[in-house]
Amino acid sequence: MDIRAIIKKAGGPARVARLLGFKSHTSVLRWEKVPDDRIIPLEAATGIPREELRPDLYERTPAQERA
């Protein structure tokens, strides 16, 4: 999933910024991918699995693919 789709699914750049404690959403808009240190907090805040946020770092297991 590309970064724009992830941000949209999470509720938009302003919501992502609020969830992560940023003062402004502009840094979120500059992301090319979810930064490594923001993956777990974003997963916890939105329920979007880390495998979806950064498939280059996390792989789905066969059990997750069936779900």
PDB file of N, CA and C in Angstrom:
ATOM      1  N   MET A   1       0.860  -1.171   0.000  1.00  0.00           N
ATOM      2  CA  MET A   1       0.000   0.000   0.000  1.00  0.00           C
ATOM      3  C   MET A   1       0.908   1.236   0.000  1.00  0.00           C
ATOM      4  N   ASP A   2       0.583   2.203  -0.824  1.00  0.00           N
ATOM      5  CA  ASP A   2       1.439   3.387  -0.881  1.00  0.00           C
ATOM      6  C   ASP A   2       1.127   4.330   0.276  1.00  0.00           C
ATOM      7  N   ILE A   3       2.041   5.251   0.545  1.00  0.00           N
ATOM      8  CA  ILE A   3       1.941   6.114   1.719  1.00  0.00           C
ATOM      9  C   ILE A   3       0.672   6.964   1.714  1.00  0.00           C
ATOM     10  N   ARG A   4       0.259   7.453   0.574  1.00  0.00           N
ATOM     11  CA  ARG A   4      -0.962   8.279   0.515  1.00  0.00           C
ATOM     12  C   ARG A   4      -2.190   7.454   0.904  1.00  0.00           C
ATOM     13  N   ALA A   5      -2.242   6.211   0.457  1.00  0.00           N
ATOM     14  CA  ALA A   5      -3.356   5.327   0.809  1.00  0.00           C
ATOM     15  C   ALA A   5      -3.340   5.012   2.303  1.00  0.00           C
ATOM     16  N   ILE A   6      -2.166   4.824   2.861  1.00  0.00           N
ATOM     17  CA  ILE A   6      -2.043   4.556   4.295  1.00  0.00           C
ATOM     18  C   ILE A   6      -2.540   5.751   5.095  1.00  0.00           C
ATOM     19  N   ILE A   7      -2.095   6.950   4.711  1.00  0.00           N
ATOM     20  CA  ILE A   7      -2.506   8.161   5.426  1.00  0.00           C
ATOM     21  C   ILE A   7      -4.020   8.346   5.327  1.00  0.00           C
ATOM     22  N   LYS A   8      -4.570   8.112   4.149  1.00  0.00           N
ATOM     23  CA  LYS A   8      -6.024   8.234   3.972  1.00  0.00           C
ATOM     24  C   LYS A   8      -6.759   7.216   4.846  1.00  0.00           C
ATOM     25  N   LYS A   9      -6.291   5.972   4.841  1.00  0.00           N
ATOM     26  CA  LYS A   9      -6.922   4.919   5.641  1.00  0.00           C
ATOM     27  C   LYS A   9      -6.856   5.237   7.138  1.00  0.00           C
ATOM     28  N   ALA A  10      -5.789   5.924   7.549  1.00  0.00           N
ATOM     29  CA  ALA A  10      -5.609   6.282   8.956  1.00  0.00           C
ATOM     30  C   ALA A  10      -6.431   7.505   9.358  1.00  0.00           C
ATOM     31  N   GLY A  11      -7.066   8.178   8.385  1.00  0.00           N
ATOM     32  CA  GLY A  11      -7.924   9.311   8.707  1.00  0.00           C
ATOM     33  C   GLY A  11      -7.419  10.646   8.206  1.00  0.00           C
ATOM     34  N   GLY A  12      -6.364  10.628   7.422  1.00  0.00           N
ATOM     35  CA  GLY A  12      -5.836  11.863   6.858  1.00  0.00           C
ATOM     36  C   GLY A  12      -4.585  12.333   7.595  1.00  0.00           C
ATOM     37  N   PRO A  13      -3.842  13.242   6.977  1.00  0.00           N
ATOM     38  CA  PRO A  13      -2.573  13.676   7.564  1.00  0.00           C
ATOM     39  C   PRO A  13      -2.725  14.396   8.903  1.00  0.00           C
ATOM     40  N   ALA A  14      -3.775  15.181   9.061  1.00  0.00           N
ATOM     41  CA  ALA A  14      -3.967  15.884  10.339  1.00  0.00           C
ATOM     42  C   ALA A  14      -4.223  14.889  11.472  1.00  0.00           C
ATOM     43  N   ARG A  15      -5.022  13.866  11.206  1.00  0.00           N
ATOM     44  CA  ARG A  15      -5.306  12.860  12.246  1.00  0.00           C
ATOM     45  C   ARG A  15      -4.053  12.065  12.583  1.00  0.00           C
ATOM     46  N   VAL A  16      -3.290  11.675  11.563  1.00  0.00           N
ATOM     47  CA  VAL A  16      -2.038  10.945  11.804  1.00  0.00           C
ATOM     48  C   VAL A  16      -1.103  11.793  12.659  1.00  0.00           C
ATOM     49  N   ALA A  17      -0.989  13.068  12.328  1.00  0.00           N
ATOM     50  CA  ALA A  17      -0.133  13.965  13.102  1.00  0.00           C
ATOM     51  C   ALA A  17      -0.583  14.036  14.557  1.00  0.00           C
ATOM     52  N   ARG A  18      -1.885  14.187  14.783  1.00  0.00           N
ATOM     53  CA  ARG A  18      -2.410  14.240  16.153  1.00  0.00           C
ATOM     54  C   ARG A  18      -2.138  12.944  16.902  1.00  0.00           C
ATOM     55  N   LEU A  19      -2.391  11.824  16.244  1.00  0.00           N
ATOM     56  CA  LEU A  19      -2.194  10.521  16.889  1.00  0.00           C
ATOM     57  C   LEU A  19      -0.745  10.313  17.318  1.00  0.00           C
ATOM     58  N   LEU A  20       0.179  10.864  16.544  1.00  0.00           N
ATOM     59  CA  LEU A  20       1.598  10.678  16.833  1.00  0.00           C
ATOM     60  C   LEU A  20       2.201  11.818  17.642  1.00  0.00           C
ATOM     61  N   GLY A  21       1.374  12.797  17.990  1.00  0.00           N
ATOM     62  CA  GLY A  21       1.855  13.887  18.833  1.00  0.00           C
ATOM     63  C   GLY A  21       2.596  14.989  18.110  1.00  0.00           C
ATOM     64  N   PHE A  22       2.420  15.082  16.797  1.00  0.00           N
ATOM     65  CA  PHE A  22       3.063  16.159  16.040  1.00  0.00           C
ATOM     66  C   PHE A  22       2.267  17.446  16.210  1.00  0.00           C
ATOM     67  N   LYS A  23       2.945  18.579  16.111  1.00  0.00           N
ATOM     68  CA  LYS A  23       2.259  19.874  16.180  1.00  0.00           C
ATOM     69  C   LYS A  23       1.617  20.225  14.853  1.00  0.00           C
ATOM     70  N   SER A  24       2.143  19.698  13.765  1.00  0.00           N
ATOM     71  CA  SER A  24       1.647  20.030  12.432  1.00  0.00           C
ATOM     72  C   SER A  24       1.604  18.784  11.563  1.00  0.00           C
ATOM     73  N   HIS A  25       0.722  18.790  10.588  1.00  0.00           N
ATOM     74  CA  HIS A  25       0.595  17.645   9.691  1.00  0.00           C
ATOM     75  C   HIS A  25       1.576  17.711   8.508  1.00  0.00           C
ATOM     76  N   THR A  26       2.308  18.794   8.383  1.00  0.00           N
ATOM     77  CA  THR A  26       3.178  18.941   7.211  1.00  0.00           C
ATOM     78  C   THR A  26       4.283  17.889   7.155  1.00  0.00           C
ATOM     79  N   SER A  27       4.794  17.469   8.298  1.00  0.00           N
ATOM     80  CA  SER A  27       5.831  16.429   8.260  1.00  0.00           C
ATOM     81  C   SER A  27       5.265  15.110   7.746  1.00  0.00           C
ATOM     82  N   VAL A  28       4.013  14.829   8.096  1.00  0.00           N
ATOM     83  CA  VAL A  28       3.359  13.605   7.607  1.00  0.00           C
ATOM     84  C   VAL A  28       3.241  13.666   6.082  1.00  0.00           C
ATOM     85  N   LEU A  29       2.911  14.828   5.563  1.00  0.00           N
ATOM     86  CA  LEU A  29       2.773  14.982   4.110  1.00  0.00           C
ATOM     87  C   LEU A  29       4.088  14.783   3.372  1.00  0.00           C
ATOM     88  N   ARG A  30       5.210  14.961   4.049  1.00  0.00           N
ATOM     89  CA  ARG A  30       6.523  14.790   3.421  1.00  0.00           C
ATOM     90  C   ARG A  30       7.022  13.345   3.428  1.00  0.00           C
ATOM     91  N   TRP A  31       6.341  12.469   4.139  1.00  0.00           N
ATOM     92  CA  TRP A  31       6.790  11.082   4.209  1.00  0.00           C
ATOM     93  C   TRP A  31       6.759  10.425   2.834  1.00  0.00           C
ATOM     94  N   GLU A  32       7.791   9.673   2.526  1.00  0.00           N
ATOM     95  CA  GLU A  32       7.777   8.804   1.344  1.00  0.00           C
ATOM     96  C   GLU A  32       7.330   7.408   1.753  1.00  0.00           C
ATOM     97  N   LYS A  33       7.550   7.081   3.027  1.00  0.00           N
ATOM     98  CA  LYS A  33       7.059   5.860   3.659  1.00  0.00           C
ATOM     99  C   LYS A  33       7.008   6.139   5.147  1.00  0.00           C
ATOM    100  N   VAL A  34       6.298   5.321   5.881  1.00  0.00           N
ATOM    101  CA  VAL A  34       6.183   5.523   7.322  1.00  0.00           C
ATOM    102  C   VAL A  34       7.574   5.364   7.935  1.00  0.00           C
ATOM    103  N   PRO A  35       8.057   6.375   8.662  1.00  0.00           N
ATOM    104  CA  PRO A  35       9.381   6.253   9.292  1.00  0.00           C
ATOM    105  C   PRO A  35       9.429   5.077  10.261  1.00  0.00           C
ATOM    106  N   ASP A  36      10.592   4.456  10.326  1.00  0.00           N
ATOM    107  CA  ASP A  36      10.777   3.267  11.173  1.00  0.00           C
ATOM    108  C   ASP A  36      10.272   3.471  12.597  1.00  0.00           C
ATOM    109  N   ASP A  37      10.575   4.626  13.180  1.00  0.00           N
ATOM    110  CA  ASP A  37      10.215   4.857  14.575  1.00  0.00           C
ATOM    111  C   ASP A  37       8.739   5.210  14.771  1.00  0.00           C
ATOM    112  N   ARG A  38       7.976   5.301  13.687  1.00  0.00           N
ATOM    113  CA  ARG A  38       6.552   5.628  13.772  1.00  0.00           C
ATOM    114  C   ARG A  38       5.649   4.443  13.443  1.00  0.00           C
ATOM    115  N   ILE A  39       6.227   3.330  13.035  1.00  0.00           N
ATOM    116  CA  ILE A  39       5.439   2.171  12.616  1.00  0.00           C
ATOM    117  C   ILE A  39       4.592   1.622  13.757  1.00  0.00           C
ATOM    118  N   ILE A  40       5.215   1.292  14.864  1.00  0.00           N
ATOM    119  CA  ILE A  40       4.512   0.664  15.981  1.00  0.00           C
ATOM    120  C   ILE A  40       3.484   1.627  16.596  1.00  0.00           C
ATOM    121  N   PRO A  41       3.840   2.903  16.862  1.00  0.00           N
ATOM    122  CA  PRO A  41       2.813   3.818  17.385  1.00  0.00           C
ATOM    123  C   PRO A  41       1.637   4.012  16.425  1.00  0.00           C
ATOM    124  N   LEU A  42       1.907   4.068  15.129  1.00  0.00           N
ATOM    125  CA  LEU A  42       0.820   4.235  14.160  1.00  0.00           C
ATOM    126  C   LEU A  42      -0.044   2.989  14.100  1.00  0.00           C
ATOM    127  N   GLU A  43       0.576   1.834  14.173  1.00  0.00           N
ATOM    128  CA  GLU A  43      -0.188   0.584  14.220  1.00  0.00           C
ATOM    129  C   GLU A  43      -1.091   0.563  15.454  1.00  0.00           C
ATOM    130  N   ALA A  44      -0.553   0.933  16.602  1.00  0.00           N
ATOM    131  CA  ALA A  44      -1.325   0.922  17.847  1.00  0.00           C
ATOM    132  C   ALA A  44      -2.489   1.925  17.797  1.00  0.00           C
ATOM    133  N   ALA A  45      -2.255   3.068  17.192  1.00  0.00           N
ATOM    134  CA  ALA A  45      -3.274   4.120  17.167  1.00  0.00           C
ATOM    135  C   ALA A  45      -4.366   3.876  16.133  1.00  0.00           C
ATOM    136  N   THR A  46      -4.029   3.179  15.036  1.00  0.00           N
ATOM    137  CA  THR A  46      -4.992   3.034  13.943  1.00  0.00           C
ATOM    138  C   THR A  46      -5.485   1.620  13.718  1.00  0.00           C
ATOM    139  N   GLY A  47      -4.731   0.641  14.194  1.00  0.00           N
ATOM    140  CA  GLY A  47      -5.087  -0.749  13.929  1.00  0.00           C
ATOM    141  C   GLY A  47      -4.621  -1.240  12.564  1.00  0.00           C
ATOM    142  N   ILE A  48      -3.929  -0.392  11.810  1.00  0.00           N
ATOM    143  CA  ILE A  48      -3.383  -0.821  10.521  1.00  0.00           C
ATOM    144  C   ILE A  48      -2.137  -1.654  10.816  1.00  0.00           C
ATOM    145  N   PRO A  49      -2.113  -2.908  10.378  1.00  0.00           N
ATOM    146  CA  PRO A  49      -0.989  -3.786  10.720  1.00  0.00           C
ATOM    147  C   PRO A  49       0.343  -3.268  10.179  1.00  0.00           C
ATOM    148  N   ARG A  50       1.400  -3.495  10.957  1.00  0.00           N
ATOM    149  CA  ARG A  50       2.745  -3.060  10.551  1.00  0.00           C
ATOM    150  C   ARG A  50       3.152  -3.648   9.215  1.00  0.00           C
ATOM    151  N   GLU A  51       2.636  -4.841   8.897  1.00  0.00           N
ATOM    152  CA  GLU A  51       2.958  -5.472   7.616  1.00  0.00           C
ATOM    153  C   GLU A  51       2.396  -4.655   6.457  1.00  0.00           C
ATOM    154  N   GLU A  52       1.312  -3.944   6.707  1.00  0.00           N
ATOM    155  CA  GLU A  52       0.703  -3.097   5.694  1.00  0.00           C
ATOM    156  C   GLU A  52       1.391  -1.729   5.652  1.00  0.00           C
ATOM    157  N   LEU A  53       1.801  -1.243   6.832  1.00  0.00           N
ATOM    158  CA  LEU A  53       2.462   0.053   6.903  1.00  0.00           C
ATOM    159  C   LEU A  53       3.841   0.017   6.252  1.00  0.00           C
ATOM    160  N   ARG A  54       4.585  -1.051   6.473  1.00  0.00           N
ATOM    161  CA  ARG A  54       5.933  -1.172   5.915  1.00  0.00           C
ATOM    162  C   ARG A  54       6.209  -2.616   5.501  1.00  0.00           C
ATOM    163  N   PRO A  55       5.644  -3.044   4.368  1.00  0.00           N
ATOM    164  CA  PRO A  55       5.861  -4.429   3.927  1.00  0.00           C
ATOM    165  C   PRO A  55       7.320  -4.726   3.608  1.00  0.00           C
ATOM    166  N   ASP A  56       8.129  -3.689   3.418  1.00  0.00           N
ATOM    167  CA  ASP A  56       9.555  -3.904   3.174  1.00  0.00           C
ATOM    168  C   ASP A  56      10.294  -4.325   4.450  1.00  0.00           C
ATOM    169  N   LEU A  57       9.707  -4.080   5.606  1.00  0.00           N
ATOM    170  CA  LEU A  57      10.337  -4.445   6.880  1.00  0.00           C
ATOM    171  C   LEU A  57       9.650  -5.605   7.588  1.00  0.00           C
ATOM    172  N   TYR A  58       8.353  -5.761   7.357  1.00  0.00           N
ATOM    173  CA  TYR A  58       7.568  -6.793   8.044  1.00  0.00           C
ATOM    174  C   TYR A  58       6.851  -7.650   7.014  1.00  0.00           C
ATOM    175  N   GLU A  59       6.913  -8.955   7.214  1.00  0.00           N
ATOM    176  CA  GLU A  59       6.249  -9.881   6.304  1.00  0.00           C
ATOM    177  C   GLU A  59       5.006 -10.447   6.967  1.00  0.00           C
ATOM    178  N   ARG A  60       4.000 -10.701   6.151  1.00  0.00           N
ATOM    179  CA  ARG A  60       2.804 -11.390   6.648  1.00  0.00           C
ATOM    180  C   ARG A  60       3.126 -12.873   6.762  1.00  0.00           C
ATOM    181  N   THR A  61       2.612 -13.473   7.808  1.00  0.00           N
ATOM    182  CA  THR A  61       2.753 -14.917   7.944  1.00  0.00           C
ATOM    183  C   THR A  61       1.593 -15.567   7.214  1.00  0.00           C
ATOM    184  N   PRO A  62       1.681 -16.845   6.878  1.00  0.00           N
ATOM    185  CA  PRO A  62       0.545 -17.505   6.202  1.00  0.00           C
ATOM    186  C   PRO A  62      -0.765 -17.367   6.971  1.00  0.00           C
ATOM    187  N   ALA A  63      -0.736 -17.394   8.291  1.00  0.00           N
ATOM    188  CA  ALA A  63      -1.964 -17.239   9.078  1.00  0.00           C
ATOM    189  C   ALA A  63      -2.561 -15.850   8.898  1.00  0.00           C
ATOM    190  N   GLN A  64      -1.720 -14.820   8.800  1.00  0.00           N
ATOM    191  CA  GLN A  64      -2.203 -13.448   8.603  1.00  0.00           C
ATOM    192  C   GLN A  64      -2.800 -13.281   7.220  1.00  0.00           C
ATOM    193  N   GLU A  65      -2.255 -13.956   6.229  1.00  0.00           N
ATOM    194  CA  GLU A  65      -2.753 -13.829   4.856  1.00  0.00           C
ATOM    195  C   GLU A  65      -4.151 -14.415   4.721  1.00  0.00           C
ATOM    196  N   ARG A  66      -4.482 -15.424   5.535  1.00  0.00           N
ATOM    197  CA  ARG A  66      -5.820 -16.018   5.487  1.00  0.00           C
ATOM    198  C   ARG A  66      -6.850 -15.142   6.177  1.00  0.00           C
ATOM    199  N   ALA A  67      -6.405 -14.325   7.111  1.00  0.00           N
ATOM    200  CA  ALA A  67      -7.333 -13.503   7.893  1.00  0.00           C
ATOM    201  C   ALA A  67      -7.954 -12.391   7.086  1.00  0.00           C
TER     202      ALA A  67
END
